[in-house]
Amino acid sequence: MTDLTLHFQKPAGWADTIHIHFWNTYPAAAATTWPGVAMTARPDGWFVHRLEGIRSASFVINDAHGRQTVDEWRDRDGWL
């Protein structure tokens, strides 16, 4: 089983901690509660989160201060 790895570059003006809220996973796993789990900050300015054992998911990336992406869905690793 492969993992789904998502990368996100924080826009200017967003808070320093970035979260990912996910649901509708395949295979089925428990959804997160808002605002989700903190993504890991990388030294290059990107944030990353690996959904272990998950092949696809719906998700929203947010800063827990009112800024967020639109609803997204991925079935492969992605850079946003």
PDB file of N, CA and C in Angstrom:
ATOM      1  N   MET A   1       0.855  -1.177   0.000  1.00  0.00           N
ATOM      2  CA  MET A   1       0.000   0.000   0.000  1.00  0.00           C
ATOM      3  C   MET A   1       0.894   1.230   0.000  1.00  0.00           C
ATOM      4  N   THR A   2       0.594   2.163  -0.843  1.00  0.00           N
ATOM      5  CA  THR A   2       1.381   3.385  -0.897  1.00  0.00           C
ATOM      6  C   THR A   2       0.766   4.458  -0.009  1.00  0.00           C
ATOM      7  N   ASP A   3       1.572   5.433   0.343  1.00  0.00           N
ATOM      8  CA  ASP A   3       1.119   6.565   1.129  1.00  0.00           C
ATOM      9  C   ASP A   3       0.835   7.737   0.196  1.00  0.00           C
ATOM     10  N   LEU A   4      -0.039   8.613   0.612  1.00  0.00           N
ATOM     11  CA  LEU A   4      -0.350   9.831  -0.120  1.00  0.00           C
ATOM     12  C   LEU A   4       0.392  10.977   0.567  1.00  0.00           C
ATOM     13  N   THR A   5       1.303  11.632  -0.156  1.00  0.00           N
ATOM     14  CA  THR A   5       2.084  12.722   0.415  1.00  0.00           C
ATOM     15  C   THR A   5       1.682  14.027  -0.255  1.00  0.00           C
ATOM     16  N   LEU A   6       1.335  15.010   0.565  1.00  0.00           N
ATOM     17  CA  LEU A   6       0.881  16.298   0.060  1.00  0.00           C
ATOM     18  C   LEU A   6       1.821  17.392   0.536  1.00  0.00           C
ATOM     19  N   HIS A   7       2.171  18.288  -0.378  1.00  0.00           N
ATOM     20  CA  HIS A   7       3.076  19.405  -0.113  1.00  0.00           C
ATOM     21  C   HIS A   7       2.303  20.701  -0.349  1.00  0.00           C
ATOM     22  N   PHE A   8       2.593  21.696   0.474  1.00  0.00           N
ATOM     23  CA  PHE A   8       1.874  22.968   0.366  1.00  0.00           C
ATOM     24  C   PHE A   8       2.833  24.120   0.647  1.00  0.00           C
ATOM     25  N   GLN A   9       2.806  25.124  -0.212  1.00  0.00           N
ATOM     26  CA  GLN A   9       3.604  26.322   0.020  1.00  0.00           C
ATOM     27  C   GLN A   9       2.685  27.400   0.576  1.00  0.00           C
ATOM     28  N   LYS A  10       2.988  27.845   1.779  1.00  0.00           N
ATOM     29  CA  LYS A  10       2.154  28.796   2.502  1.00  0.00           C
ATOM     30  C   LYS A  10       2.159  30.153   1.813  1.00  0.00           C
ATOM     31  N   PRO A  11       0.977  30.689   1.515  1.00  0.00           N
ATOM     32  CA  PRO A  11       0.908  32.027   0.940  1.00  0.00           C
ATOM     33  C   PRO A  11       1.323  33.089   1.970  1.00  0.00           C
ATOM     34  N   ALA A  12       1.786  34.221   1.488  1.00  0.00           N
ATOM     35  CA  ALA A  12       2.109  35.346   2.369  1.00  0.00           C
ATOM     36  C   ALA A  12       0.851  35.748   3.134  1.00  0.00           C
ATOM     37  N   GLY A  13       1.021  36.075   4.389  1.00  0.00           N
ATOM     38  CA  GLY A  13      -0.113  36.510   5.196  1.00  0.00           C
ATOM     39  C   GLY A  13      -0.788  35.399   5.976  1.00  0.00           C
ATOM     40  N   TRP A  14      -0.479  34.140   5.666  1.00  0.00           N
ATOM     41  CA  TRP A  14      -1.045  33.032   6.425  1.00  0.00           C
ATOM     42  C   TRP A  14      -0.257  32.869   7.719  1.00  0.00           C
ATOM     43  N   ALA A  15      -0.892  32.279   8.731  1.00  0.00           N
ATOM     44  CA  ALA A  15      -0.224  31.994  10.004  1.00  0.00           C
ATOM     45  C   ALA A  15       0.931  31.013   9.775  1.00  0.00           C
ATOM     46  N   ASP A  16       1.831  30.942  10.740  1.00  0.00           N
ATOM     47  CA  ASP A  16       3.016  30.090  10.601  1.00  0.00           C
ATOM     48  C   ASP A  16       2.733  28.603  10.717  1.00  0.00           C
ATOM     49  N   THR A  17       1.644  28.216  11.374  1.00  0.00           N
ATOM     50  CA  THR A  17       1.284  26.804  11.496  1.00  0.00           C
ATOM     51  C   THR A  17       0.195  26.486  10.478  1.00  0.00           C
ATOM     52  N   ILE A  18       0.435  25.467   9.676  1.00  0.00           N
ATOM     53  CA  ILE A  18      -0.504  25.065   8.624  1.00  0.00           C
ATOM     54  C   ILE A  18      -1.079  23.697   8.976  1.00  0.00           C
ATOM     55  N   HIS A  19      -2.389  23.544   8.768  1.00  0.00           N
ATOM     56  CA  HIS A  19      -3.097  22.299   9.080  1.00  0.00           C
ATOM     57  C   HIS A  19      -3.687  21.689   7.809  1.00  0.00           C
ATOM     58  N   ILE A  20      -3.880  20.380   7.864  1.00  0.00           N
ATOM     59  CA  ILE A  20      -4.606  19.688   6.804  1.00  0.00           C
ATOM     60  C   ILE A  20      -5.763  18.929   7.449  1.00  0.00           C
ATOM     61  N   HIS A  21      -6.957  19.207   6.952  1.00  0.00           N
ATOM     62  CA  HIS A  21      -8.176  18.528   7.406  1.00  0.00           C
ATOM     63  C   HIS A  21      -8.568  17.599   6.262  1.00  0.00           C
ATOM     64  N   PHE A  22      -8.667  16.292   6.541  1.00  0.00           N
ATOM     65  CA  PHE A  22      -8.987  15.352   5.465  1.00  0.00           C
ATOM     66  C   PHE A  22     -10.143  14.447   5.838  1.00  0.00           C
ATOM     67  N   TRP A  23     -10.809  13.927   4.788  1.00  0.00           N
ATOM     68  CA  TRP A  23     -11.971  13.055   4.923  1.00  0.00           C
ATOM     69  C   TRP A  23     -12.121  12.277   3.625  1.00  0.00           C
ATOM     70  N   ASN A  24     -13.103  11.399   3.561  1.00  0.00           N
ATOM     71  CA  ASN A  24     -13.406  10.663   2.333  1.00  0.00           C
ATOM     72  C   ASN A  24     -12.161   9.953   1.786  1.00  0.00           C
ATOM     73  N   THR A  25     -11.471   9.243   2.655  1.00  0.00           N
ATOM     74  CA  THR A  25     -10.230   8.585   2.247  1.00  0.00           C
ATOM     75  C   THR A  25     -10.496   7.201   1.679  1.00  0.00           C
ATOM     76  N   TYR A  26      -9.543   6.742   0.878  1.00  0.00           N
ATOM     77  CA  TYR A  26      -9.548   5.366   0.399  1.00  0.00           C
ATOM     78  C   TYR A  26      -8.152   4.802   0.617  1.00  0.00           C
ATOM     79  N   PRO A  27      -8.066   3.686   1.317  1.00  0.00           N
ATOM     80  CA  PRO A  27      -9.143   3.018   2.039  1.00  0.00           C
ATOM     81  C   PRO A  27      -9.669   3.897   3.170  1.00  0.00           C
ATOM     82  N   ALA A  28     -10.870   3.559   3.614  1.00  0.00           N
ATOM     83  CA  ALA A  28     -11.551   4.371   4.619  1.00  0.00           C
ATOM     84  C   ALA A  28     -10.732   4.483   5.897  1.00  0.00           C
ATOM     85  N   ALA A  29     -10.625   5.719   6.379  1.00  0.00           N
ATOM     86  CA  ALA A  29      -9.945   6.011   7.644  1.00  0.00           C
ATOM     87  C   ALA A  29     -10.735   7.118   8.325  1.00  0.00           C
ATOM     88  N   ALA A  30     -10.523   7.292   9.597  1.00  0.00           N
ATOM     89  CA  ALA A  30     -11.228   8.333  10.334  1.00  0.00           C
ATOM     90  C   ALA A  30     -10.845   9.707   9.805  1.00  0.00           C
ATOM     91  N   ALA A  31     -11.833  10.555   9.619  1.00  0.00           N
ATOM     92  CA  ALA A  31     -11.588  11.934   9.202  1.00  0.00           C
ATOM     93  C   ALA A  31     -11.024  12.719  10.380  1.00  0.00           C
ATOM     94  N   THR A  32     -10.314  13.787  10.085  1.00  0.00           N
ATOM     95  CA  THR A  32      -9.833  14.663  11.146  1.00  0.00           C
ATOM     96  C   THR A  32     -10.959  15.589  11.583  1.00  0.00           C
ATOM     97  N   THR A  33     -10.810  16.181  12.748  1.00  0.00           N
ATOM     98  CA  THR A  33     -11.715  17.244  13.176  1.00  0.00           C
ATOM     99  C   THR A  33     -11.037  18.572  12.858  1.00  0.00           C
ATOM    100  N   TRP A  34     -11.837  19.605  12.627  1.00  0.00           N
ATOM    101  CA  TRP A  34     -11.308  20.905  12.233  1.00  0.00           C
ATOM    102  C   TRP A  34     -10.445  21.483  13.340  1.00  0.00           C
ATOM    103  N   PRO A  35      -9.290  22.016  13.049  1.00  0.00           N
ATOM    104  CA  PRO A  35      -8.761  22.379  11.742  1.00  0.00           C
ATOM    105  C   PRO A  35      -7.906  21.288  11.098  1.00  0.00           C
ATOM    106  N   GLY A  36      -7.870  20.107  11.686  1.00  0.00           N
ATOM    107  CA  GLY A  36      -7.060  19.022  11.137  1.00  0.00           C
ATOM    108  C   GLY A  36      -5.761  18.876  11.904  1.00  0.00           C
ATOM    109  N   VAL A  37      -4.798  18.228  11.275  1.00  0.00           N
ATOM    110  CA  VAL A  37      -3.495  17.999  11.907  1.00  0.00           C
ATOM    111  C   VAL A  37      -2.475  18.977  11.330  1.00  0.00           C
ATOM    112  N   ALA A  38      -1.510  19.325  12.161  1.00  0.00           N
ATOM    113  CA  ALA A  38      -0.468  20.253  11.707  1.00  0.00           C
ATOM    114  C   ALA A  38       0.398  19.573  10.657  1.00  0.00           C
ATOM    115  N   MET A  39       0.701  20.310   9.605  1.00  0.00           N
ATOM    116  CA  MET A  39       1.628  19.830   8.590  1.00  0.00           C
ATOM    117  C   MET A  39       3.050  20.136   9.070  1.00  0.00           C
ATOM    118  N   THR A  40       4.015  19.397   8.583  1.00  0.00           N
ATOM    119  CA  THR A  40       5.409  19.581   8.968  1.00  0.00           C
ATOM    120  C   THR A  40       6.053  20.652   8.094  1.00  0.00           C
ATOM    121  N   ALA A  41       6.620  21.666   8.750  1.00  0.00           N
ATOM    122  CA  ALA A  41       7.310  22.740   8.021  1.00  0.00           C
ATOM    123  C   ALA A  41       8.679  22.252   7.574  1.00  0.00           C
ATOM    124  N   ARG A  42       9.022  22.528   6.328  1.00  0.00           N
ATOM    125  CA  ARG A  42      10.343  22.190   5.796  1.00  0.00           C
ATOM    126  C   ARG A  42      11.173  23.471   5.712  1.00  0.00           C
ATOM    127  N   PRO A  43      12.488  23.358   5.743  1.00  0.00           N
ATOM    128  CA  PRO A  43      13.326  24.549   5.699  1.00  0.00           C
ATOM    129  C   PRO A  43      13.214  25.355   4.401  1.00  0.00           C
ATOM    130  N   ASP A  44      12.701  24.738   3.337  1.00  0.00           N
ATOM    131  CA  ASP A  44      12.587  25.434   2.052  1.00  0.00           C
ATOM    132  C   ASP A  44      11.282  26.222   1.905  1.00  0.00           C
ATOM    133  N   GLY A  45      10.499  26.326   2.990  1.00  0.00           N
ATOM    134  CA  GLY A  45       9.254  27.090   2.952  1.00  0.00           C
ATOM    135  C   GLY A  45       8.028  26.270   2.623  1.00  0.00           C
ATOM    136  N   TRP A  46       8.198  25.013   2.291  1.00  0.00           N
ATOM    137  CA  TRP A  46       7.076  24.128   2.004  1.00  0.00           C
ATOM    138  C   TRP A  46       6.651  23.407   3.278  1.00  0.00           C
ATOM    139  N   PHE A  47       5.384  22.971   3.315  1.00  0.00           N
ATOM    140  CA  PHE A  47       4.854  22.136   4.388  1.00  0.00           C
ATOM    141  C   PHE A  47       4.504  20.795   3.766  1.00  0.00           C
ATOM    142  N   VAL A  48       4.601  19.724   4.541  1.00  0.00           N
ATOM    143  CA  VAL A  48       4.332  18.390   4.009  1.00  0.00           C
ATOM    144  C   VAL A  48       3.557  17.575   5.034  1.00  0.00           C
ATOM    145  N   HIS A  49       2.704  16.683   4.521  1.00  0.00           N
ATOM    146  CA  HIS A  49       2.008  15.719   5.369  1.00  0.00           C
ATOM    147  C   HIS A  49       1.824  14.423   4.582  1.00  0.00           C
ATOM    148  N   ARG A  50       2.153  13.313   5.212  1.00  0.00           N
ATOM    149  CA  ARG A  50       1.974  11.992   4.590  1.00  0.00           C
ATOM    150  C   ARG A  50       0.809  11.295   5.260  1.00  0.00           C
ATOM    151  N   LEU A  51      -0.146  10.859   4.452  1.00  0.00           N
ATOM    152  CA  LEU A  51      -1.271  10.072   4.947  1.00  0.00           C
ATOM    153  C   LEU A  51      -0.882   8.612   4.748  1.00  0.00           C
ATOM    154  N   GLU A  52      -0.433   7.998   5.806  1.00  0.00           N
ATOM    155  CA  GLU A  52       0.096   6.633   5.724  1.00  0.00           C
ATOM    156  C   GLU A  52      -1.001   5.631   5.406  1.00  0.00           C
ATOM    157  N   GLY A  53      -0.746   4.813   4.390  1.00  0.00           N
ATOM    158  CA  GLY A  53      -1.686   3.775   3.987  1.00  0.00           C
ATOM    159  C   GLY A  53      -2.901   4.284   3.238  1.00  0.00           C
ATOM    160  N   ILE A  54      -2.924   5.567   2.906  1.00  0.00           N
ATOM    161  CA  ILE A  54      -4.056   6.181   2.204  1.00  0.00           C
ATOM    162  C   ILE A  54      -3.680   6.393   0.746  1.00  0.00           C
ATOM    163  N   ARG A  55      -4.573   6.009  -0.157  1.00  0.00           N
ATOM    164  CA  ARG A  55      -4.321   6.170  -1.592  1.00  0.00           C
ATOM    165  C   ARG A  55      -5.019   7.378  -2.189  1.00  0.00           C
ATOM    166  N   SER A  56      -6.123   7.836  -1.571  1.00  0.00           N
ATOM    167  CA  SER A  56      -6.808   9.040  -2.041  1.00  0.00           C
ATOM    168  C   SER A  56      -7.537   9.681  -0.866  1.00  0.00           C
ATOM    169  N   ALA A  57      -7.777  10.998  -0.979  1.00  0.00           N
ATOM    170  CA  ALA A  57      -8.456  11.719   0.100  1.00  0.00           C
ATOM    171  C   ALA A  57      -8.978  13.058  -0.397  1.00  0.00           C
ATOM    172  N   SER A  58     -10.051  13.500   0.229  1.00  0.00           N
ATOM    173  CA  SER A  58     -10.514  14.881   0.100  1.00  0.00           C
ATOM    174  C   SER A  58      -9.861  15.651   1.237  1.00  0.00           C
ATOM    175  N   PHE A  59      -9.521  16.922   1.009  1.00  0.00           N
ATOM    176  CA  PHE A  59      -8.853  17.679   2.062  1.00  0.00           C
ATOM    177  C   PHE A  59      -8.969  19.182   1.838  1.00  0.00           C
ATOM    178  N   VAL A  60      -8.728  19.911   2.911  1.00  0.00           N
ATOM    179  CA  VAL A  60      -8.612  21.364   2.905  1.00  0.00           C
ATOM    180  C   VAL A  60      -7.365  21.686   3.711  1.00  0.00           C
ATOM    181  N   ILE A  61      -6.557  22.590   3.207  1.00  0.00           N
ATOM    182  CA  ILE A  61      -5.385  23.064   3.936  1.00  0.00           C
ATOM    183  C   ILE A  61      -5.730  24.449   4.460  1.00  0.00           C
ATOM    184  N   ASN A  62      -5.388  24.697   5.742  1.00  0.00           N
ATOM    185  CA  ASN A  62      -5.786  25.947   6.376  1.00  0.00           C
ATOM    186  C   ASN A  62      -4.764  26.383   7.416  1.00  0.00           C
ATOM    187  N   ASP A  63      -4.905  27.634   7.869  1.00  0.00           N
ATOM    188  CA  ASP A  63      -3.988  28.133   8.895  1.00  0.00           C
ATOM    189  C   ASP A  63      -4.670  28.284  10.258  1.00  0.00           C
ATOM    190  N   ALA A  64      -5.900  27.789  10.394  1.00  0.00           N
ATOM    191  CA  ALA A  64      -6.680  27.847  11.636  1.00  0.00           C
ATOM    192  C   ALA A  64      -6.968  29.290  12.065  1.00  0.00           C
ATOM    193  N   HIS A  65      -6.818  30.237  11.135  1.00  0.00           N
ATOM    194  CA  HIS A  65      -7.124  31.641  11.400  1.00  0.00           C
ATOM    195  C   HIS A  65      -8.008  32.210  10.297  1.00  0.00           C
ATOM    196  N   GLY A  66      -8.777  31.339   9.650  1.00  0.00           N
ATOM    197  CA  GLY A  66      -9.730  31.789   8.645  1.00  0.00           C
ATOM    198  C   GLY A  66      -9.270  31.711   7.202  1.00  0.00           C
ATOM    199  N   ARG A  67      -8.013  31.354   6.972  1.00  0.00           N
ATOM    200  CA  ARG A  67      -7.528  31.234   5.589  1.00  0.00           C
ATOM    201  C   ARG A  67      -7.454  29.758   5.222  1.00  0.00           C
ATOM    202  N   GLN A  68      -7.942  29.415   4.038  1.00  0.00           N
ATOM    203  CA  GLN A  68      -7.945  28.014   3.629  1.00  0.00           C
ATOM    204  C   GLN A  68      -8.024  27.886   2.126  1.00  0.00           C
ATOM    205  N   THR A  69      -7.661  26.701   1.656  1.00  0.00           N
ATOM    206  CA  THR A  69      -7.800  26.379   0.240  1.00  0.00           C
ATOM    207  C   THR A  69      -9.254  26.001  -0.029  1.00  0.00           C
ATOM    208  N   VAL A  70      -9.566  25.810  -1.269  1.00  0.00           N
ATOM    209  CA  VAL A  70     -10.853  25.210  -1.629  1.00  0.00           C
ATOM    210  C   VAL A  70     -10.764  23.724  -1.303  1.00  0.00           C
ATOM    211  N   ASP A  71     -11.894  23.031  -1.314  1.00  0.00           N
ATOM    212  CA  ASP A  71     -11.869  21.576  -1.134  1.00  0.00           C
ATOM    213  C   ASP A  71     -11.053  20.960  -2.269  1.00  0.00           C
ATOM    214  N   GLU A  72     -10.142  20.087  -1.907  1.00  0.00           N
ATOM    215  CA  GLU A  72      -9.274  19.411  -2.867  1.00  0.00           C
ATOM    216  C   GLU A  72      -9.499  17.907  -2.772  1.00  0.00           C
ATOM    217  N   TRP A  73      -9.079  17.178  -3.805  1.00  0.00           N
ATOM    218  CA  TRP A  73      -9.084  15.719  -3.799  1.00  0.00           C
ATOM    219  C   TRP A  73      -7.868  15.264  -4.575  1.00  0.00           C
ATOM    220  N   ARG A  74      -7.172  14.275  -4.040  1.00  0.00           N
ATOM    221  CA  ARG A  74      -5.991  13.748  -4.730  1.00  0.00           C
ATOM    222  C   ARG A  74      -5.969  12.224  -4.628  1.00  0.00           C
ATOM    223  N   ASP A  75      -5.450  11.627  -5.678  1.00  0.00           N
ATOM    224  CA  ASP A  75      -5.203  10.183  -5.664  1.00  0.00           C
ATOM    225  C   ASP A  75      -3.742   9.884  -6.003  1.00  0.00           C
ATOM    226  N   ARG A  76      -2.911  10.919  -5.883  1.00  0.00           N
ATOM    227  CA  ARG A  76      -1.456  10.781  -6.074  1.00  0.00           C
ATOM    228  C   ARG A  76      -0.800  11.925  -5.308  1.00  0.00           C
ATOM    229  N   ASP A  77       0.495  11.788  -5.065  1.00  0.00           N
ATOM    230  CA  ASP A  77       1.218  12.845  -4.379  1.00  0.00           C
ATOM    231  C   ASP A  77       1.004  14.163  -5.103  1.00  0.00           C
ATOM    232  N   GLY A  78       1.002  15.262  -4.334  1.00  0.00           N
ATOM    233  CA  GLY A  78       0.740  16.541  -4.964  1.00  0.00           C
ATOM    234  C   GLY A  78       1.455  17.700  -4.314  1.00  0.00           C
ATOM    235  N   TRP A  79       1.671  18.740  -5.118  1.00  0.00           N
ATOM    236  CA  TRP A  79       2.299  19.986  -4.695  1.00  0.00           C
ATOM    237  C   TRP A  79       1.276  21.091  -4.937  1.00  0.00           C
ATOM    238  N   LEU A  80       0.955  21.829  -3.909  1.00  0.00           N
ATOM    239  CA  LEU A  80      -0.037  22.904  -4.014  1.00  0.00           C
ATOM    240  C   LEU A  80       0.589  24.221  -3.607  1.00  0.00           C
TER     241      LEU A  80
END
